[in-house]
Every structure is written in structure tokens, then in C-alpha cells.
N, C-alpha and C. Protein backbone atom coordinates (compact mmCIF):
# COMPACT_ATOMS: atom_id res chain seq x y z
N MET A 1 -17.86 -63.06 14.24
CA MET A 1 -18.92 -63.47 13.75
C MET A 1 -18.88 -64.86 14.20
N ASN A 2 -19.78 -64.88 14.85
CA ASN A 2 -20.31 -66.71 15.45
C ASN A 2 -20.77 -67.34 14.26
N LEU A 3 -20.98 -68.30 14.03
CA LEU A 3 -20.97 -69.63 13.03
C LEU A 3 -21.41 -71.23 13.95
N GLN A 4 -22.44 -71.46 14.08
CA GLN A 4 -22.78 -73.04 14.29
C GLN A 4 -22.50 -73.10 13.70
N LYS A 5 -21.79 -74.61 13.82
CA LYS A 5 -21.83 -75.95 13.07
C LYS A 5 -21.00 -76.73 13.96
N ASN A 6 -21.82 -78.28 14.73
CA ASN A 6 -21.51 -78.65 15.14
C ASN A 6 -20.45 -78.58 16.50
N GLY A 7 -21.25 -77.71 16.97
CA GLY A 7 -20.87 -76.98 18.27
C GLY A 7 -19.53 -75.92 18.35
N THR A 8 -19.16 -75.65 16.83
CA THR A 8 -17.69 -74.33 16.97
C THR A 8 -18.60 -73.19 17.28
N THR A 9 -17.38 -72.79 17.88
CA THR A 9 -18.17 -71.23 17.97
C THR A 9 -16.80 -70.03 17.23
N ASN A 10 -17.20 -69.15 16.90
CA ASN A 10 -16.01 -68.01 16.46
C ASN A 10 -14.61 -68.40 16.00
N ASP A 11 -15.21 -69.69 14.91
CA ASP A 11 -13.98 -70.03 14.19
C ASP A 11 -13.68 -69.44 12.83
N TYR A 12 -14.49 -68.68 12.48
CA TYR A 12 -13.99 -68.00 11.32
C TYR A 12 -13.41 -66.40 10.95
N LEU A 13 -12.23 -65.85 10.29
CA LEU A 13 -12.15 -64.38 10.45
C LEU A 13 -12.51 -64.22 8.92
N LEU A 14 -12.40 -62.63 8.52
CA LEU A 14 -12.42 -62.05 6.96
C LEU A 14 -11.10 -62.76 6.38
N GLY A 15 -11.74 -62.86 5.34
CA GLY A 15 -10.61 -63.90 4.49
C GLY A 15 -10.64 -62.56 3.13
N ASN A 16 -9.32 -63.17 2.26
CA ASN A 16 -9.30 -62.46 1.00
C ASN A 16 -10.11 -62.71 0.43
N CYS A 17 -10.90 -61.22 -0.36
CA CYS A 17 -12.38 -61.70 -1.29
C CYS A 17 -11.67 -61.32 -2.17
N GLU A 18 -9.95 -61.08 -2.75
CA GLU A 18 -9.53 -61.14 -3.98
C GLU A 18 -9.17 -62.88 -4.47
N TRP A 19 -9.47 -62.96 -5.66
CA TRP A 19 -9.06 -64.16 -5.95
C TRP A 19 -8.16 -64.44 -6.85
N ASN A 20 -7.17 -65.22 -7.01
CA ASN A 20 -6.36 -64.86 -8.12
C ASN A 20 -6.36 -64.48 -9.67
N ASP A 21 -7.72 -65.16 -10.29
CA ASP A 21 -7.45 -64.19 -11.43
C ASP A 21 -7.87 -62.86 -11.41
N GLY A 22 -8.00 -62.51 -10.10
CA GLY A 22 -8.15 -61.09 -10.20
C GLY A 22 -9.94 -60.37 -9.88
N THR A 23 -10.52 -61.23 -9.70
CA THR A 23 -12.26 -60.88 -9.66
C THR A 23 -11.99 -61.09 -8.35
N ARG A 24 -13.33 -60.14 -7.74
CA ARG A 24 -13.61 -60.26 -6.38
C ARG A 24 -14.83 -60.51 -5.48
N SER A 25 -15.09 -61.03 -4.73
CA SER A 25 -16.50 -61.60 -3.83
C SER A 25 -16.72 -60.08 -2.89
N ASP A 26 -17.50 -60.40 -2.61
CA ASP A 26 -18.21 -59.58 -1.61
C ASP A 26 -17.51 -59.45 -0.42
N LEU A 27 -17.37 -60.44 0.19
CA LEU A 27 -17.59 -61.03 1.49
C LEU A 27 -16.61 -62.14 1.75
N VAL A 28 -15.75 -62.82 2.26
CA VAL A 28 -14.98 -64.29 2.20
C VAL A 28 -15.02 -64.22 3.80
N LEU A 29 -15.28 -65.10 4.40
CA LEU A 29 -15.05 -66.28 5.67
C LEU A 29 -14.34 -67.15 5.67
N GLU A 30 -12.96 -67.46 6.12
CA GLU A 30 -12.44 -68.21 6.38
C GLU A 30 -12.15 -68.65 7.27
N PRO A 31 -12.03 -70.15 7.75
CA PRO A 31 -11.60 -70.68 9.08
C PRO A 31 -10.61 -70.01 9.89
N LYS A 32 -10.59 -70.20 10.80
CA LYS A 32 -9.29 -69.23 11.59
C LYS A 32 -8.21 -70.36 11.94
N SER A 33 -8.36 -71.90 11.64
CA SER A 33 -7.30 -73.12 11.88
C SER A 33 -7.21 -73.77 10.14
N GLY A 34 -5.85 -73.66 9.75
CA GLY A 34 -5.95 -74.41 8.11
C GLY A 34 -6.03 -75.37 8.19
N HIS A 35 -6.45 -76.14 10.22
CA HIS A 35 -6.53 -77.52 9.91
C HIS A 35 -8.14 -77.85 10.11
N SER A 36 -8.67 -76.56 9.82
CA SER A 36 -10.22 -77.56 10.18
C SER A 36 -10.78 -77.71 9.01
N ASN A 37 -11.68 -78.49 9.31
CA ASN A 37 -12.40 -78.97 8.38
C ASN A 37 -13.57 -77.99 7.97
N LEU A 38 -13.87 -77.02 8.56
CA LEU A 38 -14.96 -75.98 8.25
C LEU A 38 -14.70 -75.61 6.90
N PRO A 39 -15.63 -75.36 6.29
CA PRO A 39 -15.30 -74.79 4.74
C PRO A 39 -15.15 -73.47 4.37
N PRO A 40 -14.82 -72.70 3.92
CA PRO A 40 -14.77 -71.33 3.71
C PRO A 40 -16.44 -70.49 3.34
N ILE A 41 -17.29 -69.78 3.71
CA ILE A 41 -18.08 -68.97 3.26
C ILE A 41 -17.67 -67.68 2.55
N ILE A 42 -18.43 -67.77 1.43
CA ILE A 42 -18.66 -66.92 0.02
C ILE A 42 -19.98 -66.18 0.61
N LEU A 43 -19.93 -64.52 0.30
CA LEU A 43 -21.43 -64.11 0.71
C LEU A 43 -21.53 -62.97 -0.72
N GLU A 44 -22.18 -63.17 -1.22
CA GLU A 44 -22.22 -62.44 -2.33
C GLU A 44 -24.04 -61.55 -2.38
N ILE A 45 -23.67 -60.20 -2.27
CA ILE A 45 -24.89 -59.49 -2.62
C ILE A 45 -24.89 -58.76 -3.59
N GLN A 46 -26.35 -59.10 -4.68
CA GLN A 46 -26.65 -58.71 -5.88
C GLN A 46 -27.78 -58.35 -6.55
N HIS A 47 -27.91 -57.18 -7.12
CA HIS A 47 -28.99 -56.55 -7.41
C HIS A 47 -30.23 -57.49 -8.22
N THR A 48 -29.98 -58.45 -9.50
CA THR A 48 -30.16 -59.04 -9.76
C THR A 48 -29.65 -60.00 -10.41
N GLY A 49 -29.85 -61.57 -9.84
CA GLY A 49 -29.12 -62.98 -10.01
C GLY A 49 -29.60 -63.48 -11.25
N ASN A 50 -29.07 -62.77 -12.21
CA ASN A 50 -28.95 -63.54 -13.83
C ASN A 50 -27.65 -64.55 -14.02
N LEU A 51 -28.11 -64.98 -15.65
CA LEU A 51 -27.06 -65.75 -15.45
C LEU A 51 -25.66 -65.45 -15.58
N ALA A 52 -25.50 -63.92 -15.97
CA ALA A 52 -23.71 -63.97 -15.92
C ALA A 52 -23.49 -64.01 -14.34
N PHE A 53 -24.07 -63.09 -13.52
CA PHE A 53 -23.93 -63.25 -12.20
C PHE A 53 -23.76 -65.03 -11.99
N MET A 54 -24.44 -66.05 -12.23
CA MET A 54 -24.54 -67.14 -11.21
C MET A 54 -22.84 -68.06 -11.96
N LYS A 55 -22.74 -67.76 -13.32
CA LYS A 55 -21.44 -68.15 -13.75
C LYS A 55 -19.98 -67.16 -12.63
N MET A 56 -20.34 -66.22 -12.33
CA MET A 56 -19.92 -65.67 -12.04
C MET A 56 -19.75 -66.29 -10.27
N ALA A 57 -20.85 -66.62 -9.69
CA ALA A 57 -20.77 -67.66 -8.22
C ALA A 57 -20.22 -68.95 -8.84
N VAL A 58 -20.23 -69.48 -10.28
CA VAL A 58 -19.26 -70.96 -10.10
C VAL A 58 -17.89 -70.37 -10.32
N ASN A 59 -17.83 -69.55 -10.63
CA ASN A 59 -15.95 -69.45 -10.50
C ASN A 59 -14.92 -68.87 -9.47
N TYR A 60 -16.14 -68.05 -8.52
CA TYR A 60 -15.90 -67.39 -7.15
C TYR A 60 -15.64 -69.42 -6.42
N ARG A 61 -16.68 -70.49 -6.63
CA ARG A 61 -16.37 -71.44 -6.00
C ARG A 61 -15.37 -72.65 -6.17
N ILE A 62 -15.25 -72.15 -7.72
CA ILE A 62 -13.72 -73.30 -8.05
C ILE A 62 -12.31 -72.49 -7.17
N GLN A 63 -12.76 -70.30 -7.58
CA GLN A 63 -11.24 -70.16 -7.09
C GLN A 63 -10.78 -70.59 -5.54
N ALA A 64 -12.25 -70.47 -4.71
CA ALA A 64 -12.35 -71.03 -3.45
C ALA A 64 -11.82 -72.40 -2.90
N SER A 65 -11.83 -73.19 -3.67
CA SER A 65 -11.71 -74.73 -3.91
C SER A 65 -10.58 -75.38 -4.17
N ASN A 66 -9.78 -74.06 -4.98
CA ASN A 66 -8.44 -74.23 -5.09
C ASN A 66 -7.50 -73.71 -3.64
N ARG A 67 -8.22 -72.81 -3.70
CA ARG A 67 -7.31 -71.96 -2.12
C ARG A 67 -7.18 -72.37 -0.66
N TYR A 68 -8.48 -73.11 -0.85
CA TYR A 68 -9.19 -73.95 0.43
C TYR A 68 -8.47 -75.31 0.64
N ASP A 69 -8.32 -76.01 -0.37
CA ASP A 69 -9.00 -77.53 -0.74
C ASP A 69 -9.98 -77.89 -0.73
N ILE A 70 -11.26 -77.63 0.06
CA ILE A 70 -12.55 -77.46 0.64
C ILE A 70 -13.62 -76.91 0.19
N ASP A 71 -14.60 -77.31 -0.68
CA ASP A 71 -15.40 -76.70 -1.22
C ASP A 71 -16.12 -75.51 -0.65
N PRO A 72 -16.21 -74.35 -0.64
CA PRO A 72 -16.96 -73.15 -0.17
C PRO A 72 -18.33 -73.34 0.14
N VAL A 73 -18.82 -72.63 1.19
CA VAL A 73 -20.47 -72.49 1.04
C VAL A 73 -20.86 -71.04 0.62
N ILE A 74 -21.12 -70.99 -0.39
CA ILE A 74 -22.20 -69.13 -1.35
C ILE A 74 -23.43 -68.95 -0.52
N LEU A 75 -23.16 -68.03 0.24
CA LEU A 75 -24.60 -67.92 0.47
C LEU A 75 -24.94 -66.32 -0.64
N ILE A 76 -25.89 -66.32 -1.35
CA ILE A 76 -25.95 -64.82 -2.52
C ILE A 76 -27.66 -64.65 -1.47
N ILE A 77 -27.35 -63.31 -1.63
CA ILE A 77 -28.65 -62.70 -1.58
C ILE A 77 -28.84 -61.43 -2.68
N CYS A 78 -30.28 -61.66 -3.11
CA CYS A 78 -30.32 -61.05 -4.31
C CYS A 78 -31.38 -60.11 -4.05
N VAL A 79 -31.27 -59.06 -3.66
CA VAL A 79 -31.83 -57.76 -3.50
C VAL A 79 -33.48 -57.46 -4.22
N GLU A 80 -33.45 -57.77 -5.67
CA GLU A 80 -34.32 -57.93 -6.46
C GLU A 80 -34.63 -59.30 -6.69
N SER A 81 -35.19 -59.63 -8.45
CA SER A 81 -35.33 -61.21 -9.32
C SER A 81 -34.46 -61.83 -8.70
N SER A 82 -34.29 -62.64 -8.80
CA SER A 82 -33.53 -63.82 -8.61
C SER A 82 -33.69 -65.13 -9.70
N ILE A 83 -34.42 -66.15 -8.98
CA ILE A 83 -34.57 -67.25 -9.72
C ILE A 83 -35.77 -66.92 -11.70
N LYS A 84 -36.25 -66.36 -11.29
CA LYS A 84 -37.13 -66.13 -12.01
C LYS A 84 -36.40 -65.54 -13.85
N THR A 85 -35.71 -64.62 -13.09
CA THR A 85 -34.46 -63.77 -14.47
C THR A 85 -33.27 -64.77 -14.71
N TYR A 86 -33.02 -65.98 -13.82
CA TYR A 86 -32.33 -67.09 -14.42
C TYR A 86 -33.18 -67.88 -15.07
N ILE A 87 -34.47 -68.61 -14.85
CA ILE A 87 -35.15 -69.84 -15.55
C ILE A 87 -35.49 -68.75 -16.67
N SER A 88 -35.90 -67.47 -16.87
CA SER A 88 -35.96 -66.59 -17.71
C SER A 88 -34.92 -66.80 -19.28
N ALA A 89 -34.19 -66.65 -18.65
CA ALA A 89 -32.68 -66.69 -19.18
C ALA A 89 -32.87 -67.84 -20.01
N ILE A 90 -32.94 -68.93 -19.51
CA ILE A 90 -31.91 -70.19 -19.58
C ILE A 90 -33.68 -70.36 -20.98
N VAL A 91 -34.87 -70.28 -20.27
CA VAL A 91 -35.57 -70.67 -21.54
C VAL A 91 -35.50 -69.77 -22.98
N MET A 92 -35.14 -68.98 -22.57
CA MET A 92 -35.17 -68.03 -23.62
C MET A 92 -33.89 -68.52 -24.68
N LYS A 93 -33.17 -68.56 -24.16
CA LYS A 93 -31.69 -69.27 -24.81
C LYS A 93 -32.22 -70.76 -25.51
N LYS A 94 -33.00 -71.35 -24.67
CA LYS A 94 -33.31 -73.15 -25.37
C LYS A 94 -34.26 -72.90 -26.85
N MET A 95 -35.00 -71.66 -26.37
CA MET A 95 -36.14 -71.33 -27.22
C MET A 95 -35.28 -70.82 -28.78
N HIS A 96 -34.34 -69.58 -28.60
CA HIS A 96 -33.89 -68.55 -29.24
C HIS A 96 -32.56 -69.44 -29.51
N PRO A 97 -32.00 -70.07 -29.52
CA PRO A 97 -30.35 -71.19 -29.63
C PRO A 97 -29.29 -70.06 -30.35
N THR A 98 -28.29 -69.36 -30.29
CA THR A 98 -27.31 -68.47 -31.25
C THR A 98 -26.66 -69.64 -32.17
């Protein structure tokens, strides 16, 4: 896979998708060189982007930051609804707190 950033090409390898807490991302790309300043890339494909999914994505970000010592890029592809579902959940929670 070729990713263009500041004149770089072909700098990523398929990384380990399983995180230290036992959760798994759909796809993780990590820089070939451990000394690179390129961030890891996490790809998540989801049917519906809801609050639970967003919490999971935040967890993946934390796991990747701990593993690679750099903040990752997270690409989320929602096949169905995403932001509307997420905002609706937040609004409902504020209207009906538990």
C-alpha cells in the first residue's frame, strides 16, 4: 500500500490488529521504520457508528499511542448511519440522564 505524506511512498506494513487489552481493530498499518515520524493508521469499518463504537475507537487510539509512542490516524468508514446516530444518542442522554 502506498500512502503519500511529505514525499514518502511505500512506508507502511500490515501491523498487529490485536491490542494489549484483547480488543482488535479491522486493519492497522504501521510505519516500516521504527524511527519514522509517520503515525500508525487504524482502519475501522462499521455498519452503524454509535456511541459504543466511538468509545471503542477512542480505546484503539489509546492502545496505538501506547504501542507506537505517537498518535495514530484513525479512518472510520460507516456503511449505514453515523453522525446522526451518535448525536441522537448524546441528545437523548442529556434529555434523559440515568
